[in-house]
Protein backbone atom coordinates (compact mmCIF):
# COMPACT_ATOMS: atom_id res chain seq x y z
CA MET A 1 13.99 -14.33 -54.54
CA LEU A 2 16.04 -12.69 -52.01
CA CYS A 3 17.15 -8.78 -52.31
CA ALA A 4 20.95 -8.47 -52.36
CA ALA A 5 20.52 -5.15 -50.47
CA SER A 6 18.90 -6.88 -47.44
CA CYS A 7 22.36 -8.95 -46.84
CA ASP A 8 24.58 -5.86 -46.55
CA THR A 9 26.75 -6.65 -43.56
CA ARG A 10 27.03 -3.04 -42.80
CA ARG A 11 23.57 -3.11 -41.55
CA LEU A 12 24.59 -5.80 -38.80
CA PRO A 13 26.22 -5.01 -35.35
CA ARG A 14 30.02 -4.75 -35.77
CA SER A 15 30.50 -8.11 -33.31
CA ARG A 16 28.34 -9.91 -35.99
CA ARG A 17 30.09 -9.17 -39.24
CA ALA A 18 33.11 -11.11 -38.50
CA GLY A 19 32.26 -14.50 -39.87
CA TRP A 20 29.52 -16.09 -41.90
CA GLY A 21 27.40 -18.96 -40.85
CA TRP A 22 23.78 -20.12 -41.83
CA PRO A 23 21.40 -18.55 -39.48
CA ARG A 24 19.77 -21.07 -37.13
CA VAL A 25 16.13 -21.71 -37.21
CA ARG A 26 14.40 -21.98 -33.84
CA ARG A 27 10.77 -22.78 -33.19
CA LEU A 28 9.02 -21.52 -30.40
CA PRO A 29 6.85 -24.11 -28.13
CA SER A 30 3.51 -24.78 -29.68
CA SER A 31 3.90 -22.86 -32.84
CA PRO A 32 2.73 -24.23 -36.06
CA ARG A 33 5.01 -25.06 -38.88
CA ARG A 34 5.22 -22.12 -41.66
CA TRP A 35 6.58 -22.20 -44.93
CA TRP A 36 8.53 -19.00 -44.39
CA ALA A 37 10.56 -20.39 -41.25
CA TRP A 38 13.07 -22.15 -43.63
CA PHE A 39 14.37 -18.65 -44.96
CA PRO A 40 16.58 -16.22 -42.86
CA SER A 41 15.29 -13.42 -41.16
CA TRP A 42 16.62 -10.73 -43.63
CA ALA A 43 14.60 -12.47 -46.41
CA TRP A 44 11.55 -10.26 -45.57
CA ASP A 45 13.87 -7.29 -44.17
CA GLY A 46 12.91 -7.22 -40.94
CA ALA A 47 9.02 -7.49 -41.51
CA ARG A 48 7.72 -10.71 -39.79
CA PRO A 49 4.81 -12.42 -41.60
CA PRO A 50 1.55 -12.22 -39.60
CA SER A 51 0.79 -14.87 -36.92
CA SER A 52 4.27 -16.21 -36.94
CA GLY A 53 5.30 -18.58 -34.16
CA TRP A 54 8.79 -18.32 -34.98
CA ALA A 55 11.96 -16.82 -33.34
CA TRP A 56 14.89 -15.99 -35.34
CA ASP A 57 18.70 -16.35 -34.18
CA PRO A 58 20.74 -15.61 -37.23
CA GLY A 59 23.93 -16.53 -35.33
CA TRP A 60 26.31 -15.09 -37.61
CA GLY A 61 29.82 -16.60 -37.24
CA SER A 62 31.33 -16.85 -33.91
CA ALA A 63 28.93 -14.29 -32.32
CA SER A 64 25.83 -16.38 -32.74
CA GLY A 65 26.08 -17.93 -29.35
CA ARG A 66 26.25 -14.33 -27.53
CA HIS A 67 23.92 -12.24 -29.43
CA GLY A 68 21.40 -14.70 -31.02
CA GLU A 69 19.59 -15.22 -27.62
CA ASN A 70 19.22 -11.51 -26.99
CA ASN A 71 18.28 -10.47 -30.44
CA ARG A 72 15.63 -13.11 -31.65
CA ARG A 73 12.58 -11.88 -32.65
CA ARG A 74 9.63 -12.88 -30.33
CA PRO A 75 5.89 -12.86 -31.03
CA ARG A 76 3.97 -9.84 -29.85
CA ALA A 77 2.54 -10.07 -26.35
CA GLU A 78 -1.01 -10.08 -26.05
CA SER A 79 -2.60 -7.01 -25.37
CA ARG A 80 -4.63 -6.65 -22.06
CA LEU A 81 -7.87 -5.38 -21.64
CA PRO A 82 -7.92 -1.41 -21.13
CA LEU A 83 -9.07 -0.12 -17.62
CA ALA A 84 -11.00 2.85 -17.14
CA SER A 85 -8.07 5.07 -16.65
CA ASN A 86 -6.34 3.47 -19.91
CA ARG A 87 -3.44 2.56 -17.83
CA LYS A 88 -0.75 0.49 -19.54
CA ALA A 89 0.04 -3.19 -18.42
CA ALA A 90 2.83 -3.29 -16.00
CA PRO A 91 6.18 -3.65 -17.87
CA LEU A 92 7.31 -7.64 -18.29
CA SER A 93 10.39 -6.78 -16.71
CA HIS A 94 9.07 -6.51 -13.20
CA ASP A 95 9.11 -10.17 -12.32
CA LYS A 96 7.56 -12.12 -9.20
CA ARG A 97 10.71 -11.09 -7.20
CA THR A 98 9.74 -7.70 -7.62
CA VAL A 99 6.26 -8.31 -6.19
CA ARG A 100 7.59 -10.54 -3.53
CA ALA A 101 10.00 -7.76 -2.36
CA TRP A 102 6.95 -5.29 -2.40
CA VAL A 103 4.83 -7.49 -0.41
CA LEU A 104 7.59 -8.07 2.10
CA TYR A 105 7.83 -4.59 2.95
CA ASP A 106 4.43 -4.91 4.22
CA PHE A 107 5.35 -7.58 6.57
CA ALA A 108 8.62 -5.59 7.45
CA ASN A 109 6.68 -2.24 8.45
CA SER A 110 3.65 -3.96 10.22
CA ILE A 111 5.70 -4.11 13.55
CA TYR A 112 5.60 -0.74 13.81
CA PRO A 113 1.84 0.00 14.31
CA ALA A 114 1.38 -3.09 16.43
CA VAL A 115 4.01 -2.14 18.89
CA VAL A 116 4.32 1.63 18.90
CA THR A 117 0.79 2.71 17.79
CA THR A 118 -1.32 0.39 19.44
CA ALA A 119 -0.01 -2.12 22.09
CA VAL A 120 3.07 -1.23 23.67
CA PHE A 121 4.24 2.55 23.37
CA PRO A 122 0.62 4.24 24.36
CA ILE A 123 0.77 1.93 27.51
CA PHE A 124 4.37 2.91 28.31
CA TYR A 125 3.93 6.68 27.47
CA ARG A 126 0.71 7.21 29.58
CA GLY A 127 1.68 5.15 32.30
CA THR A 128 5.40 5.71 32.68
CA VAL A 129 6.35 8.72 30.65
CA VAL A 130 3.43 11.05 31.92
CA GLY A 131 2.21 9.15 34.63
CA SER A 132 -0.79 11.65 35.51
CA GLU A 133 -4.08 11.03 36.33
CA GLY A 134 -7.29 13.07 35.66
CA GLY A 135 -6.89 12.33 31.56
CA VAL A 136 -3.69 14.24 31.15
CA ALA A 137 -1.97 11.28 29.78
CA GLU A 138 -4.76 10.52 27.32
CA LEU A 139 -5.02 14.18 26.33
CA TRP A 140 -0.95 14.00 25.55
CA TRP A 141 -1.47 10.80 23.56
CA GLY A 142 -4.34 12.06 21.53
CA TRP A 143 -2.83 15.07 20.59
CA ALA A 144 0.35 13.18 19.51
CA VAL A 145 -1.56 11.04 17.29
CA ALA A 146 -3.52 14.01 15.86
CA VAL A 147 -0.70 16.19 15.23
CA SER A 148 1.37 13.71 13.32
CA ALA A 149 -2.03 12.96 11.40
CA ILE A 150 -2.36 16.42 10.51
CA ILE A 151 1.49 16.69 9.29
CA VAL A 152 1.16 13.63 6.84
CA ALA A 153 -2.15 14.84 5.67
CA LEU A 154 -0.75 18.26 4.45
CA THR A 155 2.67 17.15 3.27
CA SER A 156 1.83 13.68 1.43
CA PRO A 157 0.10 15.28 -1.87
CA LEU A 158 2.92 17.77 -2.24
CA LEU A 159 5.71 15.17 -1.38
CA GLY A 160 3.96 12.87 -3.87
CA ALA A 161 4.09 15.46 -6.75
CA ILE A 162 7.80 15.99 -6.21
CA ALA A 163 8.43 12.27 -6.43
CA ASP A 164 6.74 12.00 -9.63
CA ARG A 165 8.47 14.98 -11.10
CA SER A 166 11.99 14.29 -9.85
CA GLY A 167 12.07 10.54 -10.27
CA ALA A 168 13.16 10.19 -6.55
CA ARG A 169 10.51 7.86 -5.28
CA LYS A 170 12.88 5.21 -3.75
CA ARG A 171 14.87 7.79 -2.41
CA PHE A 172 11.90 9.37 -0.52
CA LEU A 173 10.92 6.02 0.54
CA GLY A 174 14.35 5.45 2.04
CA PHE A 175 14.50 8.82 3.90
CA TYR A 176 11.35 8.14 5.64
CA VAL A 177 11.97 4.76 6.71
CA VAL A 178 15.26 5.92 8.20
CA THR A 179 13.29 8.82 9.61
CA CYS A 180 10.79 6.35 11.39
CA LEU A 181 13.85 4.09 12.67
CA ILE A 182 15.60 7.16 14.22
CA GLY A 183 12.56 8.39 16.05
CA VAL A 184 11.97 4.50 17.48
CA ALA A 185 15.76 4.52 18.46
CA LEU A 186 15.17 7.78 20.30
CA MET A 187 12.29 6.24 22.51
CA MET A 188 15.39 4.63 24.17
CA THR A 189 16.22 7.82 26.02
CA LEU A 190 12.74 8.57 27.41
CA GLU A 191 12.42 8.43 31.07
CA PRO A 192 9.57 9.47 33.50
CA GLY A 193 8.55 13.20 33.19
CA MET A 194 10.04 13.49 29.52
CA VAL A 195 6.36 14.19 28.38
CA VAL A 196 7.27 16.81 25.57
CA ALA A 197 10.32 14.42 24.37
CA GLY A 198 8.17 11.62 24.03
CA PHE A 199 5.29 13.46 22.32
CA LEU A 200 7.95 15.04 19.80
CA ILE A 201 9.53 11.56 19.48
CA PHE A 202 6.42 9.81 18.45
CA ILE A 203 5.33 12.47 16.15
CA LEU A 204 8.70 12.17 14.46
CA SER A 205 8.67 8.41 14.02
CA ASN A 206 4.96 8.30 13.02
CA VAL A 207 5.36 11.06 10.24
CA GLY A 208 8.33 8.86 8.86
CA PHE A 209 6.14 5.68 8.90
CA GLU A 210 2.84 7.13 7.42
CA SER A 211 4.77 8.94 4.72
CA ALA A 212 6.91 6.31 3.65
CA ASN A 213 3.72 4.29 3.00
CA VAL A 214 2.72 6.99 0.46
CA PHE A 215 5.40 6.15 -1.70
CA TYR A 216 5.31 2.43 -0.75
CA ASN A 217 1.72 2.37 -2.04
CA SER A 218 2.43 4.04 -5.16
CA TYR A 219 4.59 1.27 -6.48
CA LEU A 220 1.62 -1.00 -6.73
CA PRO A 221 0.26 -0.15 -10.24
CA ASP A 222 3.77 -0.16 -11.60
CA ILE A 223 4.65 -3.79 -10.74
CA VAL A 224 1.53 -5.86 -11.29
CA PRO A 225 -0.81 -5.69 -14.34
CA PRO A 226 -4.31 -4.18 -13.58
CA GLU A 227 -6.14 -7.46 -12.98
CA ARG A 228 -3.66 -8.68 -10.36
CA LEU A 229 -4.24 -5.28 -8.15
CA GLY A 230 -6.53 -6.63 -5.64
CA ARG A 231 -4.95 -9.86 -5.04
CA THR A 232 -1.44 -8.58 -4.70
CA SER A 233 -2.69 -5.61 -2.60
CA GLY A 234 -4.57 -8.38 -0.21
CA TYR A 235 -1.52 -10.29 0.03
CA GLY A 236 0.40 -7.50 1.07
CA TYR A 237 -2.14 -6.60 3.85
CA GLY A 238 -2.33 -10.18 4.69
CA LEU A 239 1.24 -10.58 5.44
CA GLY A 240 1.47 -7.53 7.09
CA TYR A 241 -1.00 -8.75 9.69
CA LEU A 242 1.12 -11.78 10.26
CA GLY A 243 3.96 -9.48 10.66
CA SER A 244 2.11 -7.45 13.33
CA ALA A 245 1.23 -10.57 15.29
CA LEU A 246 5.00 -12.02 15.02
CA GLY A 247 6.14 -8.87 16.02
CA LEU A 248 3.96 -8.54 19.22
CA LEU A 249 5.04 -12.19 20.00
CA LEU A 250 8.68 -11.18 19.86
CA VAL A 251 8.55 -8.08 21.97
CA LEU A 252 5.88 -8.71 24.53
CA PRO A 253 7.85 -11.10 26.94
CA PHE A 254 10.44 -7.92 27.25
CA ALA A 255 7.86 -5.19 27.64
CA ARG A 256 6.15 -7.37 30.69
CA GLU A 257 9.64 -7.29 32.12
CA GLY A 258 9.99 -3.56 31.33
CA ARG A 259 13.08 -3.82 29.38
CA MET A 260 11.86 -1.03 26.66
CA GLU A 261 15.12 -0.58 25.26
CA VAL A 262 14.97 -4.33 23.94
CA VAL A 263 11.60 -3.86 22.60
CA TRP A 264 12.56 -0.78 20.62
CA THR A 265 15.81 -2.63 19.40
CA ILE A 266 13.64 -5.41 17.97
CA VAL A 267 11.33 -2.97 16.17
CA ILE A 268 14.46 -1.36 14.39
CA ALA A 269 15.94 -4.76 13.38
CA TYR A 270 12.86 -6.12 12.54
CA PHE A 271 11.75 -3.11 10.14
CA ALA A 272 15.30 -2.60 8.62
CA ILE A 273 15.99 -6.34 7.97
CA PHE A 274 12.46 -7.46 6.03
CA SER A 275 12.51 -3.97 4.18
CA ILE A 276 16.20 -4.77 2.43
CA PRO A 277 14.46 -6.56 -0.43
CA ALA A 278 12.26 -3.74 -1.28
CA PHE A 279 15.06 -1.33 -1.80
CA LEU A 280 17.21 -3.92 -3.73
CA PHE A 281 14.37 -5.20 -6.15
CA LEU A 282 11.72 -2.60 -6.54
CA PRO A 283 11.96 -0.34 -9.66
CA LYS A 284 14.95 2.09 -9.54
CA ASP A 285 14.24 5.65 -9.67
CA LYS A 286 13.70 7.14 -13.04
CA ARG A 287 16.01 10.11 -14.09
CA GLY A 288 13.59 12.89 -13.69
CA ALA A 289 13.40 16.19 -15.86
CA MET A 290 14.10 18.06 -12.81
CA GLY A 291 16.14 17.98 -9.56
CA ILE A 292 14.72 17.61 -6.11
CA GLY A 293 14.79 21.24 -5.36
CA GLN A 294 13.18 22.45 -8.72
CA ALA A 295 10.48 19.62 -8.39
CA ALA A 296 9.94 21.00 -4.76
CA ARG A 297 9.03 24.64 -6.24
CA LYS A 298 7.08 23.24 -8.98
CA GLY A 299 5.14 20.90 -6.94
CA LEU A 300 4.21 23.69 -4.46
CA ALA A 301 3.07 26.00 -7.16
CA ASP A 302 1.08 23.31 -8.85
CA PHE A 303 -0.51 21.90 -5.63
CA LYS A 304 -3.81 23.94 -6.20
CA ARG A 305 -3.82 22.73 -9.82
CA ILE A 306 -3.56 18.86 -8.84
CA ALA A 307 -5.99 19.38 -6.17
CA ALA A 308 -8.41 20.85 -8.87
CA GLU A 309 -7.38 17.92 -11.07
CA VAL A 310 -8.27 15.18 -8.45
CA TRP A 311 -11.38 16.98 -7.76
CA GLY A 312 -12.43 17.19 -11.44
CA HIS A 313 -12.19 13.44 -12.03
CA SER A 314 -15.73 12.74 -10.90
CA ASN A 315 -15.08 8.82 -10.06
CA LEU A 316 -11.97 9.62 -8.04
CA ARG A 317 -13.81 12.55 -6.29
CA ARG A 318 -16.53 10.36 -5.18
CA PHE A 319 -14.38 7.59 -3.94
CA LEU A 320 -12.13 9.54 -1.82
CA ILE A 321 -15.17 11.29 -0.25
CA ALA A 322 -16.50 7.86 0.41
CA PHE A 323 -13.23 6.46 1.49
CA PHE A 324 -12.71 9.49 3.95
CA PHE A 325 -15.81 8.48 6.11
CA TYR A 326 -15.57 4.58 6.18
CA ILE A 327 -11.74 4.75 6.83
CA ASP A 328 -12.33 7.39 9.36
CA GLY A 329 -14.21 4.68 11.35
CA VAL A 330 -11.63 1.93 10.69
CA LEU A 331 -8.78 4.01 11.93
CA THR A 332 -10.65 5.16 15.11
CA ILE A 333 -11.38 1.63 16.16
CA ILE A 334 -7.80 0.73 15.60
CA VAL A 335 -6.55 3.43 17.61
CA MET A 336 -9.22 3.04 20.59
CA ALA A 337 -9.67 -1.02 20.60
CA ALA A 338 -7.94 -0.96 23.76
CA VAL A 339 -9.79 1.80 25.13
CA ILE A 340 -13.18 0.29 24.29
CA ALA A 341 -12.07 -3.32 25.63
CA GLN A 342 -11.05 -2.06 28.92
CA GLY A 343 -13.43 0.73 29.55
CA THR A 344 -16.60 -1.40 28.49
CA PHE A 345 -16.01 -5.06 28.82
CA GLY A 346 -13.37 -4.79 31.51
CA PHE A 347 -10.47 -6.40 29.92
CA ASP A 348 -7.18 -6.38 31.55
CA GLN A 349 -3.73 -5.99 29.66
CA GLN A 350 -3.51 -9.71 29.02
CA GLN A 351 -7.10 -10.05 27.59
CA VAL A 352 -6.38 -7.05 25.42
CA ILE A 353 -3.26 -8.38 23.92
CA ILE A 354 -5.09 -11.83 23.19
CA LEU A 355 -7.52 -9.91 21.63
CA PHE A 356 -5.26 -8.25 19.36
CA LEU A 357 -3.52 -11.26 18.21
CA ILE A 358 -6.91 -12.66 17.32
CA VAL A 359 -7.82 -9.59 15.45
CA GLN A 360 -4.55 -9.56 13.35
CA PHE A 361 -5.13 -13.29 12.34
CA SER A 362 -8.67 -12.76 11.61
CA ALA A 363 -7.53 -9.83 9.27
CA LEU A 364 -4.77 -11.71 7.88
CA ILE A 365 -7.64 -14.62 6.96
CA GLY A 366 -9.60 -11.87 5.81
CA ALA A 367 -7.28 -10.14 3.14
CA TYR A 368 -6.06 -13.25 1.85
CA SER A 369 -9.47 -14.80 1.33
CA LEU A 370 -11.03 -11.58 -0.35
CA ALA A 371 -7.95 -10.79 -2.19
CA LYS A 372 -8.91 -12.77 -5.65
CA PRO A 373 -12.63 -11.88 -5.56
CA ALA A 374 -11.51 -8.31 -5.52
CA ASP A 375 -9.96 -8.94 -8.97
CA THR A 376 -12.80 -11.24 -10.38
CA ILE A 377 -15.94 -9.21 -8.80
CA GLY A 378 -14.22 -5.89 -8.38
CA PRO A 379 -13.14 -4.23 -5.40
CA LYS A 380 -16.08 -2.07 -5.10
CA LYS A 381 -18.40 -5.09 -4.35
CA VAL A 382 -15.91 -6.30 -2.02
CA LEU A 383 -15.87 -3.19 0.16
CA SER A 384 -19.77 -2.98 -0.22
CA GLY A 385 -19.90 -6.36 1.60
CA VAL A 386 -17.46 -5.54 4.31
CA LEU A 387 -18.89 -2.49 5.02
CA CYS A 388 -22.20 -3.95 5.40
CA LEU A 389 -20.36 -6.45 7.84
CA TRP A 390 -18.94 -3.65 9.77
CA VAL A 391 -22.41 -1.79 10.15
CA ALA A 392 -23.85 -5.08 11.49
CA ALA A 393 -21.02 -5.70 14.06
CA GLY A 394 -21.25 -1.74 15.30
CA VAL A 395 -25.05 -2.13 16.06
CA ALA A 396 -24.58 -5.65 17.63
CA ALA A 397 -21.68 -4.13 19.89
CA TYR A 398 -24.03 -1.68 21.40
CA PHE A 399 -26.24 -4.22 22.66
CA VAL A 400 -23.55 -6.99 23.82
CA GLU A 401 -23.05 -7.38 27.52
CA SER A 402 -20.88 -10.40 27.55
CA PRO A 403 -17.16 -10.36 26.53
CA ASN A 404 -17.38 -13.61 24.98
CA VAL A 405 -19.86 -12.45 22.44
CA PHE A 406 -17.50 -9.48 21.96
CA TYR A 407 -14.53 -11.71 21.22
CA GLY A 408 -16.90 -12.97 18.43
CA LEU A 409 -17.56 -9.26 17.01
CA ALA A 410 -13.97 -8.65 17.11
CA VAL A 411 -13.13 -11.76 14.84
CA ALA A 412 -16.13 -10.61 12.37
CA ALA A 413 -14.70 -7.09 12.36
CA GLY A 414 -11.13 -8.28 11.95
CA PHE A 415 -11.96 -10.29 9.07
CA GLY A 416 -13.36 -6.90 7.41
CA LEU A 417 -10.30 -4.99 8.67
CA GLY A 418 -7.74 -6.88 6.24
CA SER A 419 -10.02 -6.49 3.33
CA VAL A 420 -11.36 -3.17 3.52
CA GLN A 421 -7.87 -1.72 3.53
CA SER A 422 -6.55 -4.05 0.81
CA ALA A 423 -9.48 -3.53 -1.54
CA SER A 424 -9.25 0.28 -1.06
CA ARG A 425 -5.75 0.25 -2.28
CA ALA A 426 -6.53 -1.72 -5.10
CA LEU A 427 -9.71 0.30 -6.15
CA MET A 428 -7.58 3.53 -5.57
CA ALA A 429 -4.68 2.15 -7.91
CA SER A 430 -7.21 1.35 -10.87
CA LEU A 431 -8.81 4.65 -10.59
CA ILE A 432 -5.52 6.82 -10.84
CA PRO A 433 -4.22 8.13 -14.40
CA ASP A 434 -0.99 6.37 -15.44
CA GLY A 435 2.11 8.35 -14.46
CA ARG A 436 0.61 10.07 -11.49
CA GLU A 437 0.71 7.35 -9.01
CA ALA A 438 2.62 8.95 -6.33
CA GLU A 439 0.94 12.05 -6.03
CA MET A 440 -2.62 10.64 -6.54
CA PHE A 441 -1.78 8.18 -3.49
CA GLY A 442 -0.53 11.47 -1.74
CA PHE A 443 -4.18 12.61 -1.82
CA TYR A 444 -5.30 8.91 -0.93
CA ALA A 445 -3.21 9.36 2.17
CA LEU A 446 -4.67 12.91 2.90
CA CYS A 447 -8.20 11.52 2.89
CA GLY A 448 -7.04 8.92 5.25
CA ARG A 449 -4.78 10.79 7.73
CA SER A 450 -7.04 13.56 8.01
CA SER A 451 -10.06 11.46 8.44
CA SER A 452 -8.20 10.32 11.48
CA VAL A 453 -8.37 13.10 13.37
CA LEU A 454 -12.08 13.69 13.00
CA GLY A 455 -13.12 9.98 14.17
CA PRO A 456 -11.27 10.14 17.67
CA VAL A 457 -12.62 13.54 18.51
CA LEU A 458 -16.30 12.50 17.64
CA PHE A 459 -15.94 9.29 19.75
CA GLY A 460 -14.57 10.96 22.62
CA GLY A 461 -17.04 13.80 22.39
CA THR A 462 -19.96 11.59 22.39
CA VAL A 463 -18.51 9.50 25.24
CA ARG A 464 -18.04 12.48 27.40
CA LEU A 465 -21.64 13.74 26.78
CA ALA A 466 -22.81 10.33 27.64
CA GLY A 467 -21.31 10.76 30.88
CA GLY A 468 -18.32 8.20 30.20
CA ASN A 469 -20.63 5.52 28.52
CA GLN A 470 -18.71 4.47 25.54
CA ARG A 471 -21.74 2.54 23.73
CA PRO A 472 -23.19 5.65 22.21
CA GLY A 473 -19.92 6.22 20.65
CA PHE A 474 -20.44 2.64 19.02
CA LEU A 475 -23.20 4.07 16.82
CA VAL A 476 -21.33 7.37 15.95
CA LEU A 477 -18.60 5.01 14.24
CA THR A 478 -21.33 2.92 12.91
CA ALA A 479 -22.88 6.02 11.14
CA LEU A 480 -19.55 6.62 9.59
CA PHE A 481 -19.43 3.01 7.92
CA LEU A 482 -23.02 3.49 6.81
CA ILE A 483 -22.13 6.99 5.35
CA GLY A 484 -19.22 5.51 3.44
CA LEU A 485 -21.22 2.59 2.19
CA ILE A 486 -24.05 5.00 0.61
CA LEU A 487 -21.55 7.25 -0.92
CA LEU A 488 -19.49 4.12 -2.35
CA GLN A 489 -22.45 3.11 -4.34
CA ARG A 490 -22.12 6.23 -6.72
CA VAL A 491 -18.41 5.15 -7.60
CA ARG A 492 -18.64 3.49 -11.22
CA ASP A 493 -16.83 0.09 -11.46
CA PRO A 494 -13.20 1.10 -12.70
CA LYS A 495 -13.67 -1.79 -15.14
CA ALA A 496 -16.20 0.27 -17.04
CA PRO A 497 -14.78 2.17 -20.16
CA ALA A 498 -16.03 5.51 -18.56
CA ALA A 499 -14.91 4.76 -15.18
CA LEU A 500 -12.56 7.85 -15.19
CA GLU A 501 -13.77 10.36 -17.50
CA GLY A 502 -13.00 14.03 -16.11
CA THR A 503 -16.57 15.13 -16.07
CA THR A 504 -18.47 16.14 -12.98
């Protein structure tokens, strides 16, 4: 027996009151037949019988074709296992296209660290712009890297808090990408003797690049479900290392000829073109409760409170401290790789380039091959294994004399390079509370960038005390990996129910 009140057409959308037609019954695939499926949906007044495998398209009159598909009832999605942070599952509207756009940004921005930070601009700045002997060029370059790292370290948490409150995350991402590209464009104006100008231009571009990464990383927990954080992060880093190698291959012929304006043009075009999908398909900014100016004032006022909250989460605090030490060693090796290869093993420019390309492909393989294990066994175990590999490689490098053996160590270290960064990002994403992504990744950047100031100082100071011998510096970097590995063991598995309790 059907209730007459439930047939009142006033309860239907206006566009579906026009005509009457018997509702169509649609059966979802692989659903058992149920007796109630042959009654119209209003027979139970909107309440679905339990375990129903049927989807209804009432199809009133001529409007059925337009509204039926969009308004049919769908079975409730299966709930995912809760994470330690009780993070909600990624919204179903964020499809594979969104994830691909996010991963492609890693491919786009990878040309900047490969060309500007590591392989081309340091040589150009030290040899052409500064051109001084006695360590003056190295001093200017070291300070340029350190100052840009300090700026990013101090501003990232505040900018993350502003982005979360104002709902302007994509706008901040776009602003810093443009800032980075403007800095690269200004490199075309550099001539011999423009030491201060080159110093400031590099700081501008590097601050833009690193700050953009803060907002880019914060999208990860929003676009994929928790069980796919590790592999998605790994795919991003893997594609990034492929992009680094491809970018180097594109610019090196022009760099050898001294056509630096072509090099910087390629960097700008490469970065800009391949980052377009990210701005088209990443989630749109949500309208925030306050404007950017008000959010900036509020973010500045709450900075100490946010720092206290981060410190109050015992598991997050332990991870960030461990991350500070082991990523310090990673970043120092990235910055000093060419110096080590030339100073200890006598590599020339071509051998350094070949070594860098080998490391890039090795890192790509490591990032991809260890992406899935980061989800199955957990990012902590992946990180622990990789850090053990780096400790062994650091000790071996102290005794190695042959350049060929050094190539083998570089391959092993490169394999761990891709996975240590992707697993760290995945572990961080699984620990942070829901809705605090940008500001928490701001502190993540704070730890990484601030540590990148300490490592080069320790390495350089040790080498100077050793009379120019770089081998004792290898042991200092190995100690950083070992300290990080030991501290990481105190971090609870994020899959455990009590992984993010706010107790100390």
